[in-house]
Each structure stands twice: as C-alpha cells, then as structure tokens.
Amino acid sequence: MTTVLIADDQPLQRFGFRMLLESQDDMTVLGEAANGTEAIRMAAELHPDVVLMDIRMPGLDGIEATRRIVATGDRTRVLILTTFDLDEYAYAGLRAGASGFLVKDAQPEELLSGIRSVATGDAVVAPSLTRRLLDAYAHHLPAAAPDPSTAPAPAPDPRLASLTDREREILTVIGKGWTNTEIATRLHLAESTVKTHVGRILAKTGSRDRIQAVILAYDTRLVEPS
C-alpha cells in the first residue's frame, strides 16, 4: 500500500486529489497539509511514502518544505506539482531533493503512475517538462571557464571516483535525459543490464534517485548546459 500526504493550499484541489487516490486499491491518503510548515510536521509524524507537494503555498513554500523533508533522511519522497508546464521555481526543486515533477493538469493515470514510481524509488518528470526543466536548472549553474587551456583543471569529483567507464558513460546520458530504453537501444545493452548499471550509479554516488543523478551529471560537467 502506497501512503500519500497531500500538500496544497487549495481545499478543492486537495479534495480532488484525495478522491482520485482513494479510488485506488493500492493507495491511501494519510493526511492533508495547507502549507509547507504543515507538510513538514505531518511528514515527520506520519512517514508517508510520497508527499504530493504544491510549489506555491502561503508561508513556507513547497520548495523549502521539500528541502527540509528530504534533509531528515526519512524514506519519504516528494513529487512536486507545478501549475504551469514550466514553473519559474520548478528547477529549484531539483536542488531541494524532489523525486519528480508533474503538472497539475496531468491525466489521472499519469499522476497515479507518477506516485507509484516515486514510491518505489524511481524519478518522474512529465515528458513535456523534462528537458525544459533541465535547461532552466542548467542556466543557474556557474558558467564554465571561457578558455579551458588557461583555466586550472577542476579537482575530480569524489562522487565519480568509484564509477567504471561504462557507469560514467551511462550517467552522462542519464544527464541528457535518455530513458533506460533509449540507453539500451543506443548503447546496445539489455534493458535489465541498464537498470543494474543505474542502480549501481545511484548507490555509488549517493544519489536518491534518477533526478539527483541528473543534477550530479550537470554539477560535475559530464553534461554541459546547451
């Protein structure tokens, strides 16, 4: 059974989500929070599998609430909901530790699938949102040195030290937004092999999920902002 906490400042929105989730045999709603502060408190008390988190709420917003929930080290994962398909604050959720992003008007099946995926440790980003969110995130990274020949060589990132060449290659294409199926096809690997590599990459780098692996790929310049 997947347990969910709904955090949204709109009562009708919360009601709609609750009705949808509780129509599923494998989901139950543990509670509802109207702002970020309530979401943090209730997540600590109830330990839901997933917090369905709105970004824009009064007082403490969803981004800071996500950051604090993730920082506790609890098993709870956060699926952020954006009002628009490119919310100006959504990229910050990557840094905050969110395990996924979906737009509020996503189809019910997409929302339910996203919750299930996040609960099992996968990362979810609405297909229409993926690369644009990553671009928005990338533009907030420090600019690369204009002349690599004169710039000092960056220190190797310790998070990459234990990766094999193949794992580093796969982390790079994860950062480019490739799915497991795309990786398997383009690198001529079995999809089960790709899943094994991805799991090892997450474990070795200390990444919570695929979203955090994408951040790592950008932060360590395995992938350069376009």
Protein backbone atom coordinates (compact mmCIF):
# COMPACT_ATOMS: atom_id res chain seq x y z
CA MET A 1 0.00 0.00 0.00
CA THR A 2 1.41 3.39 -1.02
CA THR A 3 0.75 6.08 1.57
CA VAL A 4 0.44 9.70 0.46
CA LEU A 5 0.38 13.11 2.12
CA ILE A 6 -1.25 15.88 0.03
CA ALA A 7 0.24 19.36 0.46
CA ASP A 8 -1.72 22.06 -1.37
CA ASP A 9 -3.25 25.34 -0.19
CA GLN A 10 -6.40 24.88 -2.30
CA PRO A 11 -9.07 22.83 -0.48
CA LEU A 12 -10.84 21.82 -3.69
CA GLN A 13 -7.55 20.71 -5.21
CA ARG A 14 -6.79 18.59 -2.14
CA PHE A 15 -10.28 17.10 -2.26
CA GLY A 16 -9.86 16.18 -5.92
CA PHE A 17 -6.52 14.51 -5.30
CA ARG A 18 -7.89 12.62 -2.30
CA MET A 19 -10.86 11.32 -4.26
CA LEU A 20 -8.59 10.12 -7.06
CA LEU A 21 -6.03 8.48 -4.81
CA GLU A 22 -8.55 6.78 -2.55
CA SER A 23 -10.28 5.27 -5.57
CA GLN A 24 -7.17 3.09 -5.96
CA ASP A 25 -6.83 -0.21 -4.12
CA ASP A 26 -3.10 0.30 -3.59
CA MET A 27 -3.13 3.88 -2.24
CA THR A 28 -4.25 5.61 0.90
CA VAL A 29 -4.13 9.29 1.90
CA LEU A 30 -2.69 9.78 5.38
CA GLY A 31 -3.45 13.48 5.60
CA GLU A 32 -3.66 16.91 4.00
CA ALA A 33 -1.47 19.96 4.58
CA ALA A 34 -2.38 23.50 3.58
CA ASN A 35 1.15 24.91 3.64
CA GLY A 36 4.80 23.91 3.80
CA THR A 37 5.07 24.09 7.58
CA GLU A 38 2.16 21.68 8.00
CA ALA A 39 3.62 19.39 5.35
CA ILE A 40 6.93 19.12 7.24
CA ARG A 41 5.20 18.42 10.55
CA MET A 42 2.82 15.86 9.12
CA ALA A 43 5.54 14.11 7.12
CA ALA A 44 7.56 13.71 10.34
CA GLU A 45 4.54 12.35 12.19
CA LEU A 46 3.01 10.12 9.51
CA HIS A 47 6.06 9.00 7.44
CA PRO A 48 4.19 8.78 4.12
CA ASP A 49 5.78 7.08 1.15
CA VAL A 50 5.11 10.13 -1.00
CA VAL A 51 4.28 13.78 -0.40
CA LEU A 52 2.31 15.30 -3.27
CA MET A 53 3.72 18.84 -2.96
CA ASP A 54 2.43 22.05 -4.49
CA ILE A 55 5.14 24.66 -5.07
CA ARG A 56 3.28 27.87 -4.32
CA MET A 57 1.79 27.90 -0.84
CA PRO A 58 1.48 30.65 1.77
CA GLY A 59 4.24 30.97 4.34
CA LEU A 60 6.78 28.23 3.78
CA ASP A 61 6.60 27.22 0.12
CA GLY A 62 6.83 23.74 -1.37
CA ILE A 63 10.47 24.06 -2.36
CA GLU A 64 11.70 24.78 1.16
CA ALA A 65 9.32 22.20 2.59
CA THR A 66 10.76 19.63 0.18
CA ARG A 67 14.30 20.53 1.18
CA ARG A 68 13.54 20.07 4.88
CA ILE A 69 11.64 16.80 4.41
CA VAL A 70 14.44 15.31 2.31
CA ALA A 71 17.08 16.54 4.78
CA THR A 72 15.61 14.39 7.56
CA GLY A 73 16.85 11.29 5.74
CA ASP A 74 13.46 9.63 6.10
CA ARG A 75 12.16 7.30 3.39
CA THR A 76 9.52 9.84 2.34
CA ARG A 77 9.87 11.03 -1.25
CA VAL A 78 8.42 14.19 -2.75
CA LEU A 79 6.53 14.54 -6.02
CA ILE A 80 6.21 18.22 -6.88
CA LEU A 81 3.21 19.57 -8.76
CA THR A 82 3.61 22.66 -10.93
CA THR A 83 0.74 24.87 -12.04
CA PHE A 84 2.25 25.56 -15.44
CA ASP A 85 4.34 23.32 -17.65
CA LEU A 86 7.38 25.48 -16.96
CA ASP A 87 7.04 26.97 -13.49
CA GLU A 88 9.81 29.52 -12.88
CA TYR A 89 10.53 27.96 -9.49
CA ALA A 90 10.35 24.32 -10.53
CA TYR A 91 14.06 23.91 -11.26
CA ALA A 92 14.81 24.72 -7.60
CA GLY A 93 13.02 21.53 -6.66
CA LEU A 94 15.89 19.60 -8.25
CA ARG A 95 18.24 21.06 -5.67
CA ALA A 96 15.71 20.55 -2.92
CA GLY A 97 15.70 16.79 -3.48
CA ALA A 98 12.36 16.22 -5.20
CA SER A 99 11.97 12.84 -6.85
CA GLY A 100 9.70 14.11 -9.60
CA PHE A 101 7.65 16.83 -11.23
CA LEU A 102 4.22 16.71 -12.81
CA VAL A 103 1.89 19.45 -13.98
CA LYS A 104 -1.36 19.79 -12.08
CA ASP A 105 -3.46 19.14 -15.14
CA ALA A 106 -1.75 15.82 -15.86
CA GLN A 107 -4.07 12.98 -16.74
CA PRO A 108 -5.19 10.96 -13.68
CA GLU A 109 -3.35 7.90 -14.99
CA GLU A 110 -0.14 9.91 -15.29
CA LEU A 111 -0.45 11.24 -11.75
CA LEU A 112 -1.16 7.80 -10.29
CA SER A 113 1.69 6.24 -12.24
CA GLY A 114 4.00 9.01 -11.06
CA ILE A 115 3.13 8.44 -7.41
CA ARG A 116 3.69 4.70 -7.75
CA SER A 117 7.03 5.21 -9.49
CA VAL A 118 8.31 7.71 -6.94
CA ALA A 119 7.22 5.43 -4.09
CA THR A 120 9.37 2.62 -5.47
CA GLY A 121 12.45 4.82 -5.83
CA ASP A 122 12.18 5.90 -9.44
CA ALA A 123 12.16 9.51 -10.58
CA VAL A 124 9.34 11.01 -12.59
CA VAL A 125 9.23 14.12 -14.75
CA ALA A 126 6.38 14.96 -17.08
CA PRO A 127 7.61 14.28 -20.62
CA SER A 128 6.69 17.79 -21.77
CA LEU A 129 8.64 19.23 -18.86
CA THR A 130 11.84 17.17 -18.78
CA ARG A 131 14.32 18.97 -20.98
CA ARG A 132 12.89 22.43 -20.33
CA LEU A 133 13.23 21.92 -16.57
CA LEU A 134 16.78 20.69 -17.04
CA ASP A 135 17.55 23.70 -19.23
CA ALA A 136 16.12 26.00 -16.57
CA TYR A 137 18.26 24.26 -13.98
CA ALA A 138 21.36 24.33 -16.15
CA HIS A 139 21.15 28.07 -16.66
CA HIS A 140 21.61 28.55 -12.91
CA LEU A 141 24.91 26.65 -12.90
CA PRO A 142 28.16 28.65 -12.76
CA ALA A 143 29.45 29.39 -16.22
CA ALA A 144 32.26 27.19 -17.47
CA ALA A 145 35.69 28.78 -17.88
CA PRO A 146 35.81 30.55 -21.28
CA ASP A 147 39.28 29.24 -22.10
CA PRO A 148 39.91 25.71 -20.77
CA SER A 149 43.56 25.88 -21.88
CA THR A 150 44.30 28.63 -19.38
CA ALA A 151 41.88 27.64 -16.62
CA PRO A 152 43.11 25.38 -13.80
CA ALA A 153 41.94 21.80 -14.10
CA PRO A 154 39.00 21.15 -11.78
CA ALA A 155 39.54 18.71 -8.95
CA PRO A 156 37.99 15.29 -9.68
CA ASP A 157 34.62 14.99 -8.04
CA PRO A 158 34.82 12.24 -5.39
CA ARG A 159 31.28 11.13 -6.24
CA LEU A 160 32.53 9.93 -9.62
CA ALA A 161 35.70 8.24 -8.39
CA SER A 162 34.23 4.77 -7.94
CA LEU A 163 32.32 4.66 -11.23
CA THR A 164 33.50 2.40 -14.01
CA ASP A 165 33.91 3.83 -17.51
CA ARG A 166 30.60 2.28 -18.53
CA GLU A 167 28.82 3.69 -15.47
CA ARG A 168 30.24 7.14 -16.18
CA GLU A 169 29.02 6.84 -19.77
CA ILE A 170 25.55 5.88 -18.61
CA LEU A 171 25.46 8.68 -16.03
CA THR A 172 26.31 11.11 -18.82
CA VAL A 173 23.39 10.04 -20.98
CA ILE A 174 21.06 9.98 -17.97
CA GLY A 175 22.00 13.63 -17.62
CA LYS A 176 20.99 14.16 -21.24
CA GLY A 177 17.53 12.84 -20.47
CA TRP A 178 17.79 9.39 -22.03
CA THR A 179 15.38 6.76 -20.72
CA ASN A 180 16.51 3.23 -19.88
CA THR A 181 15.02 2.03 -23.15
CA GLU A 182 16.92 4.66 -25.13
CA ILE A 183 20.15 3.80 -23.32
CA ALA A 184 19.69 0.10 -24.03
CA THR A 185 18.97 0.70 -27.70
CA ARG A 186 21.71 3.23 -28.39
CA LEU A 187 24.44 1.54 -26.35
CA HIS A 188 23.42 -1.98 -27.45
CA LEU A 189 22.71 -3.26 -23.95
CA ALA A 190 19.91 -5.31 -22.46
CA GLU A 191 17.46 -3.10 -20.59
CA SER A 192 17.96 -5.26 -17.48
CA THR A 193 21.69 -4.52 -17.71
CA VAL A 194 20.95 -0.79 -17.93
CA LYS A 195 18.76 -0.99 -14.82
CA THR A 196 21.59 -2.73 -12.97
CA HIS A 197 24.06 -0.04 -14.02
CA VAL A 198 21.66 2.73 -12.99
CA GLY A 199 21.16 1.14 -9.58
CA ARG A 200 24.91 0.90 -9.04
CA ILE A 201 25.38 4.52 -10.15
CA LEU A 202 22.79 5.71 -7.64
CA ALA A 203 24.36 3.66 -4.86
CA LYS A 204 27.95 4.67 -5.60
CA THR A 205 27.21 8.39 -5.96
CA GLY A 206 24.77 8.60 -3.06
CA SER A 207 22.01 9.85 -5.37
CA ARG A 208 18.50 9.33 -4.02
CA ASP A 209 17.05 8.74 -7.45
CA ARG A 210 17.41 9.45 -11.14
CA ILE A 211 16.65 13.17 -10.75
CA GLN A 212 19.57 13.54 -8.34
CA ALA A 213 21.78 11.65 -10.80
CA VAL A 214 20.85 14.22 -13.45
CA ILE A 215 21.92 17.00 -11.09
CA LEU A 216 25.21 15.21 -10.50
CA ALA A 217 25.83 14.93 -14.25
CA TYR A 218 25.35 18.69 -14.63
CA ASP A 219 27.24 19.65 -11.48
CA THR A 220 30.29 17.62 -12.48
CA ARG A 221 30.12 18.84 -16.08
CA LEU A 222 29.63 15.38 -17.53
CA VAL A 223 26.81 17.20 -19.31
CA GLU A 224 27.26 20.80 -20.34
CA PRO A 225 24.31 23.23 -20.43
CA SER A 226 23.21 23.76 -24.01
